[in-house]
Amino acid sequence: MDDKNNVNRPYDDFFRRPEERSGLNGRAGEEGSGAADGGADAFGGAAEAGKGLSAASGGTADAAGGTAAKPVYYYSYGPFRSGGTDRDASDAEPVIRREAAAAERNDAGMVARPAPAVRTWTVRERRRGSWWGPVAAFLAGILLTGSLMIASDRLNLFTGSDQALAQSPSAGGAANPGAAPEGSTAAASSGGTVSNAVDVVRPNNIAKIVEQSSPAVVKIETYAKTRSRAGGNSLFDDPFFRQFFGDSYRIPTENEDSQQLRPSGLGSGFFFDKEGYILTNQHVVGGADKIMVTVLGYKEPFEAEMLGSSYDLDLAVLKIKGDKDFPTLPLGDSDTINVGEWVVAIGNPNGFDHTVTVGVLSAKERPITIQDTEGTRQYQHLLQTDASINPGNSGGPLINLAGEVIGINTAVSTTAQGIGFAIPTSTIVGVLDNLKENKPVPQPFIGATLQDLTETAARQLGLKDTKGSVVVNILYNSPAYKADLRQYDVIVGMDGQKYDTTQDLIRAIQNKKVGEKAVLDVIRGGNQVQITVEIGDKNDFNVQ
């Protein structure tokens, strides 16, 4: 048997029984005596090298080849940490057995490999801390965040100075968002205040405006004696209502006249005087034989008396009697409100009491013309809004963010969406006292019939263009007659302002007050002259 087998035999013999190993040891002594002399140096050197290794190094020398053995590791789930500590008592018995076997091999003349030192891994549980630490950190974070938010709000760190401003209307004027610091207030009808804090999306005081304004808004129901449809006298046969308000409130077809009162219309209005004076549209109450007004907070409606009205301006004033003062809405200045500002409309569209709609002012100075059986309504200076206006909103208030009325909802275009019109308060204020006292509303005029210039007329008059208005007729004893304005005079301006069309000139004259003087720029016989005329009242001349 060769040396290689002799070298490996002691490891195989270790697992034999003691009596077998004793026989083998004797046989090994005999068979290996010759090899001992030649291999003693190699085995002895390996043994001495094995003895010189430190147990703490964890490595062993191979007696045959001299290579290092791989260490043994133990793993466990969860957090763990590697270290050089010895194994515990559960691993002591295998270690003792290996040491005893090595001693037996030494006694038998065999050189045993030293037992490898094994590096172990231990698990050390994390020490549990107190729950006060995370709670305290959370509370400290809340306190710090809140302090920073308050500081940034007070110091206005994240918004510009323009956004930090709020609306503050002047006395008797309309609201102007962005004109006063936040927290400013505006007077309302009940004597309360309306907060106008800025909101980047929409105003945040709409609910407050509605709460204060709604008690002053009324529902108006009109009744008329049923007439034959053949007669064509029904209020709702007018093209005005068919064009702008549809057929929602048509009177049923009757074949013969009847004296019974039937519902004829529905609209809105509002108190402008605590003694029971209500402002509404003339087309809401025109032609009615009976007018009933429903007031918020009262169980029974009131029968109203119509005082003054104006067909041309489409305004009317009603009066009801109560045992106490009625809530009112203040009239603001429609000239100070800007296009794009928020407005609120309150009314009774389609019979839904006190419906609120919100929008912006879309445009100003809108003229529209509506024809009906009584004549032609030529509206001037109307406010346009996209706040929803429907049948029944007519006569209701259009309110600014200060809680002031800046217009009376009047008409809506049925061929478009979001195009409604309101009569501005600038038109109302000058005639309100006349309507309240049942006096005719002054109608400024000069008593001259005007017409746009045509190319033919301009050539005949020796003019180079068609700019201006030619005088066709003069009313006897009118302001124009007294000022010596003549037929075929061409008016090209007034008070230093040029007016190229008849419509523009008439509108400028109507904006004047009765008794006020105006200087007309006139071309007569190829020469330009100035004529001073005093504005008169159309009602004094009984003309249409």
Protein backbone atom coordinates (compact mmCIF):
# COMPACT_ATOMS: atom_id res chain seq x y z
CA MET A 1 0.00 0.00 0.00
CA ASP A 2 1.43 3.37 -0.97
CA ASP A 3 2.15 6.38 1.23
CA LYS A 4 -0.93 8.25 0.11
CA ASN A 5 -3.17 5.55 1.43
CA ASN A 6 -1.19 5.37 4.65
CA VAL A 7 -1.59 9.06 5.22
CA ASN A 8 -5.38 9.00 4.74
CA ARG A 9 -5.92 5.79 6.72
CA PRO A 10 -5.91 7.42 10.25
CA TYR A 11 -8.99 9.51 9.31
CA ASP A 12 -10.81 6.42 8.09
CA ASP A 13 -9.81 4.42 11.15
CA PHE A 14 -11.14 7.12 13.48
CA PHE A 15 -14.69 6.03 12.77
CA ARG A 16 -13.99 2.32 13.51
CA ARG A 17 -14.70 0.64 16.85
CA PRO A 18 -11.93 0.78 19.51
CA GLU A 19 -11.01 -2.90 19.15
CA GLU A 20 -10.68 -2.52 15.40
CA ARG A 21 -8.60 0.62 15.79
CA SER A 22 -6.15 -1.15 18.19
CA GLY A 23 -5.50 -3.86 15.63
CA LEU A 24 -5.01 -1.29 12.95
CA ASN A 25 -2.59 0.69 15.07
CA GLY A 26 -0.42 -2.34 15.56
CA ARG A 27 -0.53 -3.13 11.88
CA ALA A 28 0.26 0.46 11.05
CA GLY A 29 3.31 0.37 13.27
CA GLU A 30 4.62 -2.63 11.45
CA GLU A 31 3.76 -1.60 7.93
CA GLY A 32 4.70 2.03 8.35
CA SER A 33 8.07 1.59 10.01
CA GLY A 34 9.81 1.86 6.72
CA ALA A 35 7.88 4.89 5.68
CA ALA A 36 8.27 6.60 9.01
CA ASP A 37 11.93 7.34 8.47
CA GLY A 38 11.33 8.90 5.06
CA GLY A 39 8.14 10.79 5.95
CA ALA A 40 8.86 11.76 9.53
CA ASP A 41 10.23 15.10 8.58
CA ALA A 42 7.19 15.92 6.49
CA PHE A 43 4.70 14.75 9.07
CA GLY A 44 6.71 16.18 11.90
CA GLY A 45 7.02 19.54 10.18
CA ALA A 46 3.33 19.57 9.57
CA ALA A 47 2.62 18.66 13.17
CA GLU A 48 4.92 21.36 14.50
CA ALA A 49 3.31 23.89 12.14
CA GLY A 50 -0.13 22.83 13.34
CA LYS A 51 0.93 23.25 16.97
CA GLY A 52 2.27 26.73 16.31
CA LEU A 53 -1.02 28.09 14.93
CA SER A 54 -2.99 30.37 17.23
CA ALA A 55 -6.49 29.22 18.12
CA ALA A 56 -7.74 32.79 17.75
CA SER A 57 -6.67 32.96 14.10
CA GLY A 58 -9.45 30.62 13.04
CA GLY A 59 -7.25 28.92 10.40
CA THR A 60 -5.50 25.47 10.31
CA ALA A 61 -2.57 24.09 8.30
CA ASP A 62 -3.18 21.05 6.12
CA ALA A 63 -0.64 18.35 7.01
CA ALA A 64 -0.64 16.97 3.50
CA GLY A 65 -0.93 20.00 1.29
CA GLY A 66 -0.57 23.04 3.63
CA THR A 67 -3.74 24.84 2.32
CA ALA A 68 -6.13 26.81 4.60
CA ALA A 69 -9.54 25.28 5.44
CA LYS A 70 -12.79 27.33 4.88
CA PRO A 71 -14.47 28.63 8.07
CA VAL A 72 -17.98 27.55 9.05
CA TYR A 73 -20.80 30.14 9.38
CA TYR A 74 -24.25 30.05 11.05
CA TYR A 75 -27.09 32.22 9.85
CA SER A 76 -30.28 33.39 11.45
CA TYR A 77 -33.20 35.46 10.20
CA GLY A 78 -33.50 39.01 11.36
CA PRO A 79 -30.81 41.46 12.46
CA PHE A 80 -27.49 39.80 13.17
CA ARG A 81 -23.86 40.73 13.72
CA SER A 82 -20.66 38.68 13.08
CA GLY A 83 -18.09 38.19 15.89
CA GLY A 84 -15.22 35.97 17.20
CA THR A 85 -16.90 34.61 20.35
CA ASP A 86 -16.90 30.85 21.17
CA ARG A 87 -19.93 28.67 20.73
CA ASP A 88 -22.21 28.02 23.60
CA ALA A 89 -22.58 24.81 25.66
CA SER A 90 -24.74 23.13 23.02
CA ASP A 91 -21.68 22.88 20.75
CA ALA A 92 -19.24 21.65 23.50
CA GLU A 93 -19.79 17.93 23.01
CA PRO A 94 -18.64 17.76 19.33
CA VAL A 95 -15.57 19.78 20.21
CA ILE A 96 -14.64 17.39 23.05
CA ARG A 97 -15.07 14.40 20.77
CA ARG A 98 -12.70 15.86 18.18
CA GLU A 99 -10.06 16.60 20.87
CA ALA A 100 -10.29 13.04 22.24
CA ALA A 101 -9.94 11.58 18.78
CA ALA A 102 -6.85 13.69 18.17
CA ALA A 103 -5.32 12.49 21.44
CA GLU A 104 -5.95 8.87 20.48
CA ARG A 105 -4.30 9.43 17.11
CA ASN A 106 -1.28 10.99 18.82
CA ASP A 107 -1.05 7.98 21.12
CA ALA A 108 -1.18 5.74 18.06
CA GLY A 109 1.70 7.61 16.45
CA MET A 110 -0.49 9.52 14.05
CA VAL A 111 -0.31 13.19 13.46
CA ALA A 112 -3.79 14.75 13.68
CA ARG A 113 -4.84 17.95 12.13
CA PRO A 114 -5.63 20.62 14.66
CA ALA A 115 -9.33 21.39 15.03
CA PRO A 116 -10.26 24.51 13.14
CA ALA A 117 -11.43 27.42 15.17
CA VAL A 118 -14.96 28.38 14.01
CA ARG A 119 -16.17 31.98 13.83
CA THR A 120 -19.76 32.25 14.91
CA TRP A 121 -22.55 34.79 14.35
CA THR A 122 -24.73 36.06 17.18
CA VAL A 123 -28.05 37.87 17.23
CA ARG A 124 -28.37 40.81 19.54
CA GLU A 125 -31.91 42.14 20.04
CA ARG A 126 -32.43 45.85 19.71
CA ARG A 127 -33.20 47.55 22.91
CA ARG A 128 -36.71 48.94 23.03
CA GLY A 129 -36.94 52.69 23.54
CA SER A 130 -39.64 54.80 25.13
CA TRP A 131 -42.70 55.86 23.05
CA TRP A 132 -42.34 59.41 24.34
CA GLY A 133 -39.55 60.16 21.89
CA PRO A 134 -41.56 59.81 18.62
CA VAL A 135 -44.57 61.57 20.15
CA ALA A 136 -42.45 64.50 21.28
CA ALA A 137 -40.83 64.75 17.84
CA PHE A 138 -44.26 64.71 16.14
CA LEU A 139 -45.60 67.47 18.42
CA ALA A 140 -42.49 69.55 17.89
CA GLY A 141 -42.90 69.21 14.12
CA ILE A 142 -46.52 70.38 14.31
CA LEU A 143 -45.55 73.35 16.44
CA LEU A 144 -42.75 74.33 14.07
CA THR A 145 -44.92 73.99 10.95
CA GLY A 146 -47.76 75.99 12.48
CA SER A 147 -45.38 78.74 13.56
CA LEU A 148 -43.94 78.99 10.06
CA MET A 149 -47.42 79.14 8.48
CA ILE A 150 -48.55 81.90 10.82
CA ALA A 151 -45.36 83.85 10.24
CA SER A 152 -45.64 83.57 6.44
CA ASP A 153 -49.27 84.67 6.56
CA ARG A 154 -48.55 87.66 8.79
CA LEU A 155 -45.50 88.70 6.80
CA ASN A 156 -47.18 87.96 3.44
CA LEU A 157 -44.17 85.94 2.25
CA PHE A 158 -45.84 83.93 -0.52
CA THR A 159 -48.31 86.41 -2.04
CA GLY A 160 -47.75 89.78 -3.60
CA SER A 161 -49.09 92.94 -2.12
CA ASP A 162 -51.74 93.16 -4.84
CA GLN A 163 -53.23 89.78 -3.95
CA ALA A 164 -53.29 90.69 -0.28
CA LEU A 165 -55.62 93.59 -0.93
CA ALA A 166 -59.37 93.35 -0.70
CA GLN A 167 -62.34 95.25 -1.94
CA SER A 168 -63.42 98.42 -0.18
CA PRO A 169 -66.19 100.38 -1.90
CA SER A 170 -66.48 104.09 -1.42
CA ALA A 171 -69.63 105.63 -0.04
CA GLY A 172 -72.44 105.13 -2.47
CA GLY A 173 -70.10 103.49 -4.98
CA ALA A 174 -69.76 99.99 -6.29
CA ALA A 175 -67.24 97.51 -5.08
CA ASN A 176 -63.77 97.54 -6.52
CA PRO A 177 -61.90 94.34 -5.67
CA GLY A 178 -58.29 94.90 -4.81
CA ALA A 179 -58.79 98.43 -3.47
CA ALA A 180 -58.67 97.98 0.29
CA PRO A 181 -56.97 95.75 2.87
CA GLU A 182 -58.49 92.45 3.82
CA GLY A 183 -61.22 92.72 6.40
CA SER A 184 -62.74 95.89 4.96
CA THR A 185 -66.52 96.10 5.11
CA ALA A 186 -69.32 97.68 3.15
CA ALA A 187 -72.72 98.89 4.30
CA ALA A 188 -75.72 96.72 3.45
CA SER A 189 -79.44 97.30 3.68
CA SER A 190 -79.85 95.84 7.14
CA GLY A 191 -77.09 97.97 8.61
CA GLY A 192 -74.71 94.98 8.75
CA THR A 193 -71.39 94.62 7.05
CA VAL A 194 -70.15 92.41 4.24
CA SER A 195 -66.69 90.92 4.44
CA ASN A 196 -64.72 91.25 1.22
CA ALA A 197 -61.73 89.02 1.88
CA VAL A 198 -59.91 88.10 -1.30
CA ASP A 199 -60.28 84.57 -2.66
CA VAL A 200 -58.10 83.54 -5.59
CA VAL A 201 -60.89 81.39 -7.06
CA ARG A 202 -64.07 83.29 -6.34
CA PRO A 203 -65.41 85.75 -3.75
CA ASN A 204 -66.01 84.15 -0.38
CA ASN A 205 -68.78 86.52 0.71
CA ILE A 206 -71.51 85.46 -1.74
CA ALA A 207 -73.46 83.67 0.99
CA LYS A 208 -73.33 86.76 3.21
CA ILE A 209 -74.55 88.98 0.37
CA VAL A 210 -77.46 86.63 -0.34
CA GLU A 211 -78.36 86.43 3.35
CA GLN A 212 -78.56 90.20 3.67
CA SER A 213 -80.16 90.93 0.29
CA SER A 214 -82.80 88.21 -0.05
CA PRO A 215 -85.34 89.68 2.41
CA ALA A 216 -85.57 92.80 0.23
CA VAL A 217 -86.26 90.84 -2.99
CA VAL A 218 -89.94 90.18 -3.76
CA LYS A 219 -91.92 88.02 -6.14
CA ILE A 220 -94.43 89.84 -8.35
CA GLU A 221 -97.44 88.02 -9.82
CA THR A 222 -99.76 89.79 -12.21
CA TYR A 223 -103.34 88.99 -13.09
CA ALA A 224 -105.36 90.18 -16.06
CA LYS A 225 -108.90 89.83 -17.21
CA THR A 226 -109.15 87.16 -19.85
CA ARG A 227 -109.61 88.64 -23.30
CA SER A 228 -110.28 87.11 -26.63
CA ARG A 229 -107.11 86.07 -28.39
CA ALA A 230 -108.60 87.47 -31.57
CA GLY A 231 -108.35 90.93 -30.11
CA GLY A 232 -104.59 90.62 -29.77
CA ASN A 233 -104.49 92.57 -26.51
CA SER A 234 -102.80 89.93 -24.35
CA LEU A 235 -99.58 91.16 -22.79
CA PHE A 236 -97.87 87.92 -23.69
CA ASP A 237 -98.76 88.24 -27.37
CA ASP A 238 -96.08 90.94 -27.59
CA PRO A 239 -93.03 90.03 -29.68
CA PHE A 240 -90.91 91.30 -26.78
CA PHE A 241 -91.93 88.39 -24.61
CA ARG A 242 -91.85 85.86 -27.43
CA GLN A 243 -88.30 86.89 -28.32
CA PHE A 244 -86.78 87.16 -24.87
CA PHE A 245 -88.99 85.20 -22.52
CA GLY A 246 -90.58 82.42 -24.53
CA ASP A 247 -94.11 81.14 -24.06
CA SER A 248 -93.87 80.08 -20.42
CA TYR A 249 -96.63 82.35 -19.18
CA ARG A 250 -99.05 82.58 -22.08
CA ILE A 251 -102.72 83.07 -21.31
CA PRO A 252 -104.84 80.07 -22.39
CA THR A 253 -106.84 80.47 -25.57
CA GLU A 254 -110.36 81.78 -24.98
CA ASN A 255 -113.16 82.10 -27.48
CA GLU A 256 -114.96 84.95 -25.72
CA ASP A 257 -114.25 87.69 -23.27
CA SER A 258 -114.47 87.02 -19.55
CA GLN A 259 -114.16 89.19 -16.47
CA GLN A 260 -112.40 86.52 -14.46
CA LEU A 261 -108.83 87.33 -13.45
CA ARG A 262 -106.23 84.85 -14.57
CA PRO A 263 -102.49 84.73 -13.97
CA SER A 264 -100.75 86.69 -16.69
CA GLY A 265 -97.14 86.99 -15.65
CA LEU A 266 -94.41 86.52 -13.08
CA GLY A 267 -91.43 88.67 -12.23
CA SER A 268 -89.25 90.09 -9.50
CA GLY A 269 -88.57 93.37 -7.77
CA PHE A 270 -86.91 94.80 -4.66
CA PHE A 271 -87.57 97.36 -1.95
CA PHE A 272 -85.62 100.60 -2.30
CA ASP A 273 -87.61 102.41 0.38
CA LYS A 274 -88.57 100.98 3.78
CA GLU A 275 -92.12 102.35 3.48
CA GLY A 276 -92.94 99.72 0.85
CA TYR A 277 -91.73 101.19 -2.45
CA ILE A 278 -90.70 98.52 -4.95
CA LEU A 279 -88.70 98.96 -8.15
CA THR A 280 -89.26 96.62 -11.09
CA ASN A 281 -89.51 96.52 -14.89
CA GLN A 282 -92.46 98.11 -16.66
CA HIS A 283 -92.90 95.03 -18.83
CA VAL A 284 -93.45 92.92 -15.68
CA VAL A 285 -96.51 94.89 -14.57
CA GLY A 286 -97.65 96.54 -17.81
CA GLY A 287 -101.25 95.72 -18.75
CA ALA A 288 -101.98 94.00 -15.41
CA ASP A 289 -105.35 94.44 -13.73
CA LYS A 290 -104.09 93.17 -10.39
CA ILE A 291 -100.58 92.95 -8.93
CA MET A 292 -99.73 90.71 -5.99
CA VAL A 293 -96.40 90.91 -4.18
CA THR A 294 -94.97 88.10 -2.03
CA VAL A 295 -92.54 89.26 0.65
CA LEU A 296 -90.17 86.93 2.45
CA GLY A 297 -91.32 86.37 6.04
CA TYR A 298 -94.99 87.10 5.38
CA LYS A 299 -97.56 84.36 4.99
CA GLU A 300 -99.93 86.24 2.71
CA PRO A 301 -99.04 88.28 -0.41
CA PHE A 302 -99.73 92.01 -0.60
CA GLU A 303 -101.79 93.70 -3.27
CA ALA A 304 -99.62 96.42 -4.83
CA GLU A 305 -100.48 99.74 -6.37
CA MET A 306 -98.56 100.85 -9.44
CA LEU A 307 -97.39 104.42 -9.13
CA GLY A 308 -95.19 105.72 -11.94
CA SER A 309 -93.86 103.85 -14.96
CA SER A 310 -91.81 104.53 -18.07
CA TYR A 311 -92.25 102.51 -21.22
CA ASP A 312 -89.08 103.86 -22.85
CA LEU A 313 -86.90 103.14 -19.81
CA ASP A 314 -88.81 99.95 -18.91
CA LEU A 315 -89.06 100.98 -15.25
CA ALA A 316 -91.97 100.98 -12.79
CA VAL A 317 -92.50 101.66 -9.09
CA LEU A 318 -95.03 99.77 -6.95
CA LYS A 319 -96.29 100.51 -3.42
CA ILE A 320 -97.54 98.14 -0.74
CA LYS A 321 -98.67 98.89 2.79
CA GLY A 322 -97.41 97.02 5.84
CA ASP A 323 -97.52 97.33 9.60
CA LYS A 324 -93.74 97.70 9.87
CA ASP A 325 -90.75 98.81 7.84
CA PHE A 326 -89.59 96.61 5.01
CA PRO A 327 -85.96 95.62 4.39
CA THR A 328 -84.28 97.56 1.59
CA LEU A 329 -81.35 97.36 -0.81
CA PRO A 330 -79.06 100.37 -1.41
CA LEU A 331 -78.46 101.64 -4.93
CA GLY A 332 -74.81 101.67 -5.96
CA ASP A 333 -73.01 103.43 -8.79
CA SER A 334 -72.92 101.31 -11.94
CA ASP A 335 -70.33 103.62 -13.52
CA THR A 336 -67.64 102.53 -11.06
CA ILE A 337 -67.93 98.77 -11.59
CA ASN A 338 -65.45 97.25 -14.02
CA VAL A 339 -65.93 94.55 -16.63
CA GLY A 340 -64.88 91.21 -15.15
CA GLU A 341 -66.01 91.94 -11.59
CA TRP A 342 -68.31 89.50 -9.81
CA VAL A 343 -72.06 90.15 -9.66
CA VAL A 344 -74.99 88.33 -8.06
CA ALA A 345 -78.53 88.07 -9.45
CA ILE A 346 -81.50 87.23 -7.21
CA GLY A 347 -85.00 86.61 -8.54
CA ASN A 348 -87.78 84.13 -9.20
CA PRO A 349 -86.95 82.41 -12.50
CA ASN A 350 -89.77 80.13 -13.66
CA GLY A 351 -91.43 80.52 -10.29
CA PHE A 352 -88.50 79.20 -8.22
CA ASP A 353 -88.50 81.73 -5.40
CA HIS A 354 -85.30 83.55 -4.46
CA THR A 355 -82.97 81.78 -6.86
CA VAL A 356 -79.38 82.99 -6.74
CA THR A 357 -77.07 83.06 -9.76
CA VAL A 358 -73.50 84.32 -9.85
CA GLY A 359 -71.34 85.58 -12.71
CA VAL A 360 -69.24 88.48 -13.85
CA LEU A 361 -69.97 91.74 -15.60
CA SER A 362 -69.39 90.86 -19.26
CA ALA A 363 -69.71 94.30 -20.86
CA LYS A 364 -71.12 97.81 -20.43
CA GLU A 365 -72.97 100.30 -22.62
CA ARG A 366 -74.85 97.66 -24.60
CA PRO A 367 -77.75 98.99 -26.74
CA ILE A 368 -80.56 96.63 -27.80
CA THR A 369 -83.89 97.29 -29.56
CA ILE A 370 -87.07 95.28 -28.96
CA GLN A 371 -90.37 95.86 -30.76
CA ASP A 372 -93.80 95.08 -29.38
CA THR A 373 -97.41 96.09 -30.05
CA GLU A 374 -97.02 99.31 -28.07
CA GLY A 375 -93.97 100.54 -29.88
CA THR A 376 -90.22 100.05 -29.86
CA ARG A 377 -88.12 99.80 -26.73
CA GLN A 378 -84.68 101.27 -27.35
CA TYR A 379 -82.52 100.28 -24.43
CA GLN A 380 -79.32 102.25 -23.91
CA HIS A 381 -76.24 101.76 -21.70
CA LEU A 382 -77.25 98.25 -20.59
CA LEU A 383 -74.99 96.11 -18.45
CA GLN A 384 -74.23 92.67 -19.86
CA THR A 385 -73.62 89.73 -17.51
CA ASP A 386 -73.17 85.97 -17.71
CA ALA A 387 -75.04 85.44 -14.43
CA SER A 388 -77.97 83.25 -15.44
CA ILE A 389 -81.15 85.25 -16.11
CA ASN A 390 -84.38 83.46 -16.99
CA PRO A 391 -88.09 84.29 -17.28
CA GLY A 392 -89.10 85.55 -13.85
CA ASN A 393 -85.75 87.25 -13.13
CA SER A 394 -86.98 90.47 -14.75
CA GLY A 395 -87.10 93.33 -12.27
CA GLY A 396 -84.77 91.61 -9.81
CA PRO A 397 -81.54 93.19 -8.60
CA LEU A 398 -78.04 92.73 -9.98
CA ILE A 399 -75.78 93.14 -6.95
CA ASN A 400 -72.08 93.89 -6.60
CA LEU A 401 -69.78 92.48 -3.92
CA ALA A 402 -70.61 95.37 -1.60
CA GLY A 403 -74.25 94.28 -1.44
CA GLU A 404 -75.38 97.25 -3.57
CA VAL A 405 -77.73 97.18 -6.55
CA ILE A 406 -75.94 98.21 -9.73
CA GLY A 407 -78.65 97.14 -12.18
CA ILE A 408 -82.13 95.70 -12.74
CA ASN A 409 -82.23 92.40 -14.63
CA THR A 410 -84.31 93.01 -17.73
CA ALA A 411 -83.73 90.70 -20.69
CA VAL A 412 -81.75 87.73 -21.93
CA SER A 413 -80.80 86.56 -25.37
CA THR A 414 -82.57 83.27 -26.07
CA THR A 415 -80.25 82.48 -28.98
CA ALA A 416 -77.12 82.42 -26.81
CA GLN A 417 -75.93 81.26 -23.43
CA GLY A 418 -74.70 83.56 -20.69
CA ILE A 419 -75.83 86.82 -22.31
CA GLY A 420 -78.17 88.73 -20.03
CA PHE A 421 -78.87 92.45 -19.74
CA ALA A 422 -79.63 94.80 -16.85
CA ILE A 423 -80.64 98.46 -16.71
CA PRO A 424 -77.82 100.31 -14.90
CA THR A 425 -78.46 102.38 -11.81
CA SER A 426 -76.97 105.38 -13.61
CA THR A 427 -80.17 105.38 -15.67
CA ILE A 428 -82.43 104.71 -12.68
CA VAL A 429 -81.25 107.26 -10.13
CA GLY A 430 -82.24 110.33 -12.17
CA VAL A 431 -85.84 109.20 -12.67
CA LEU A 432 -86.56 107.31 -9.45
CA ASP A 433 -88.16 110.25 -7.65
CA ASN A 434 -90.45 110.92 -10.59
CA LEU A 435 -91.59 107.30 -10.67
CA LYS A 436 -92.08 107.30 -6.92
CA GLU A 437 -94.22 110.44 -7.04
CA ASN A 438 -96.09 109.21 -10.11
CA LYS A 439 -94.75 112.01 -12.25
CA PRO A 440 -93.77 111.66 -15.90
CA VAL A 441 -90.16 110.75 -16.36
CA PRO A 442 -88.28 113.59 -18.04
CA GLN A 443 -87.28 112.81 -21.62
CA PRO A 444 -84.55 115.15 -22.84
CA PHE A 445 -84.95 116.29 -26.46
CA ILE A 446 -84.46 119.37 -28.66
CA GLY A 447 -87.54 119.03 -30.89
CA ALA A 448 -85.82 118.29 -34.19
CA THR A 449 -86.29 115.30 -36.48
CA LEU A 450 -82.85 114.07 -37.54
CA GLN A 451 -81.69 111.71 -40.25
CA ASP A 452 -78.37 110.20 -41.34
CA LEU A 453 -76.74 111.78 -44.36
CA THR A 454 -76.80 109.82 -47.59
CA GLU A 455 -74.35 110.28 -50.43
CA THR A 456 -77.05 111.95 -52.49
CA ALA A 457 -78.00 114.38 -49.72
CA ALA A 458 -74.33 115.12 -49.02
CA ARG A 459 -73.75 115.97 -52.70
CA GLN A 460 -76.78 118.25 -52.80
CA LEU A 461 -75.66 120.05 -49.64
CA GLY A 462 -72.14 120.43 -50.98
CA LEU A 463 -70.53 118.17 -48.37
CA LYS A 464 -67.47 115.99 -48.96
CA ASP A 465 -68.64 113.05 -46.79
CA THR A 466 -71.71 111.63 -45.05
CA LYS A 467 -70.61 112.37 -41.49
CA GLY A 468 -73.30 114.15 -39.49
CA SER A 469 -77.08 114.37 -39.05
CA VAL A 470 -79.33 116.40 -41.29
CA VAL A 471 -82.32 118.25 -39.78
CA VAL A 472 -85.48 117.07 -41.56
CA ASN A 473 -88.15 118.81 -39.48
CA ILE A 474 -88.46 121.28 -36.59
CA LEU A 475 -91.22 121.03 -33.98
CA TYR A 476 -92.97 124.34 -33.49
CA ASN A 477 -91.99 126.21 -30.34
CA SER A 478 -89.53 123.48 -29.38
CA PRO A 479 -86.02 124.18 -28.03
CA ALA A 480 -84.64 123.73 -31.55
CA TYR A 481 -87.20 126.18 -32.96
CA LYS A 482 -86.36 128.76 -30.29
CA ALA A 483 -82.62 128.35 -30.92
CA ASP A 484 -83.16 129.02 -34.66
CA LEU A 485 -82.09 125.58 -35.82
CA ARG A 486 -83.26 125.26 -39.43
CA GLN A 487 -84.30 122.55 -41.82
CA TYR A 488 -81.40 121.07 -43.83
CA ASP A 489 -78.89 122.14 -41.23
CA VAL A 490 -76.27 119.41 -40.72
CA ILE A 491 -75.26 118.79 -37.09
CA VAL A 492 -71.75 117.34 -36.96
CA GLY A 493 -71.02 117.71 -33.23
CA MET A 494 -72.12 118.92 -29.81
CA ASP A 495 -70.10 120.54 -27.04
CA GLY A 496 -66.89 120.06 -28.99
CA GLN A 497 -67.47 116.32 -29.55
CA LYS A 498 -67.88 114.93 -33.07
CA TYR A 499 -70.94 112.74 -33.80
CA ASP A 500 -70.96 111.05 -37.20
CA THR A 501 -74.34 109.28 -36.94
CA THR A 502 -77.83 110.31 -35.88
CA GLN A 503 -78.02 107.52 -33.29
CA ASP A 504 -74.88 108.73 -31.54
CA LEU A 505 -76.14 112.31 -31.45
CA ILE A 506 -79.57 111.37 -30.09
CA ARG A 507 -77.94 109.26 -27.39
CA ALA A 508 -75.77 112.22 -26.38
CA ILE A 509 -78.80 114.52 -26.20
CA GLN A 510 -80.72 112.01 -24.06
CA ASN A 511 -77.82 111.91 -21.64
CA LYS A 512 -78.31 115.59 -20.97
CA LYS A 513 -80.59 116.88 -18.24
CA VAL A 514 -83.72 118.90 -18.91
CA GLY A 515 -82.86 122.60 -18.71
CA GLU A 516 -79.19 122.04 -19.49
CA LYS A 517 -77.69 123.95 -22.43
CA ALA A 518 -75.78 122.39 -25.31
CA VAL A 519 -73.73 123.95 -28.12
CA LEU A 520 -74.38 122.39 -31.53
CA ASP A 521 -71.76 122.45 -34.30
CA VAL A 522 -73.80 123.03 -37.47
CA ILE A 523 -72.93 123.29 -41.18
CA ARG A 524 -75.31 125.69 -42.92
CA GLY A 525 -74.89 126.72 -46.54
CA GLY A 526 -71.28 125.47 -46.57
CA ASN A 527 -70.37 127.46 -43.46
CA GLN A 528 -69.89 126.12 -39.93
CA VAL A 529 -71.84 127.87 -37.19
CA GLN A 530 -72.54 127.16 -33.52
CA ILE A 531 -76.05 127.19 -32.08
CA THR A 532 -76.82 127.10 -28.37
CA VAL A 533 -79.96 125.14 -27.46
CA GLU A 534 -81.62 124.47 -24.10
CA ILE A 535 -82.58 120.81 -23.59
CA GLY A 536 -86.35 120.44 -23.22
CA ASP A 537 -88.72 117.74 -21.91
CA LYS A 538 -90.50 115.68 -24.50
CA ASN A 539 -93.45 115.14 -22.13
CA ASP A 540 -94.33 118.86 -22.36
CA PHE A 541 -95.03 118.60 -26.09
CA ASN A 542 -97.20 115.46 -26.07
CA VAL A 543 -95.27 113.80 -28.83
CA GLN A 544 -94.05 110.28 -29.29
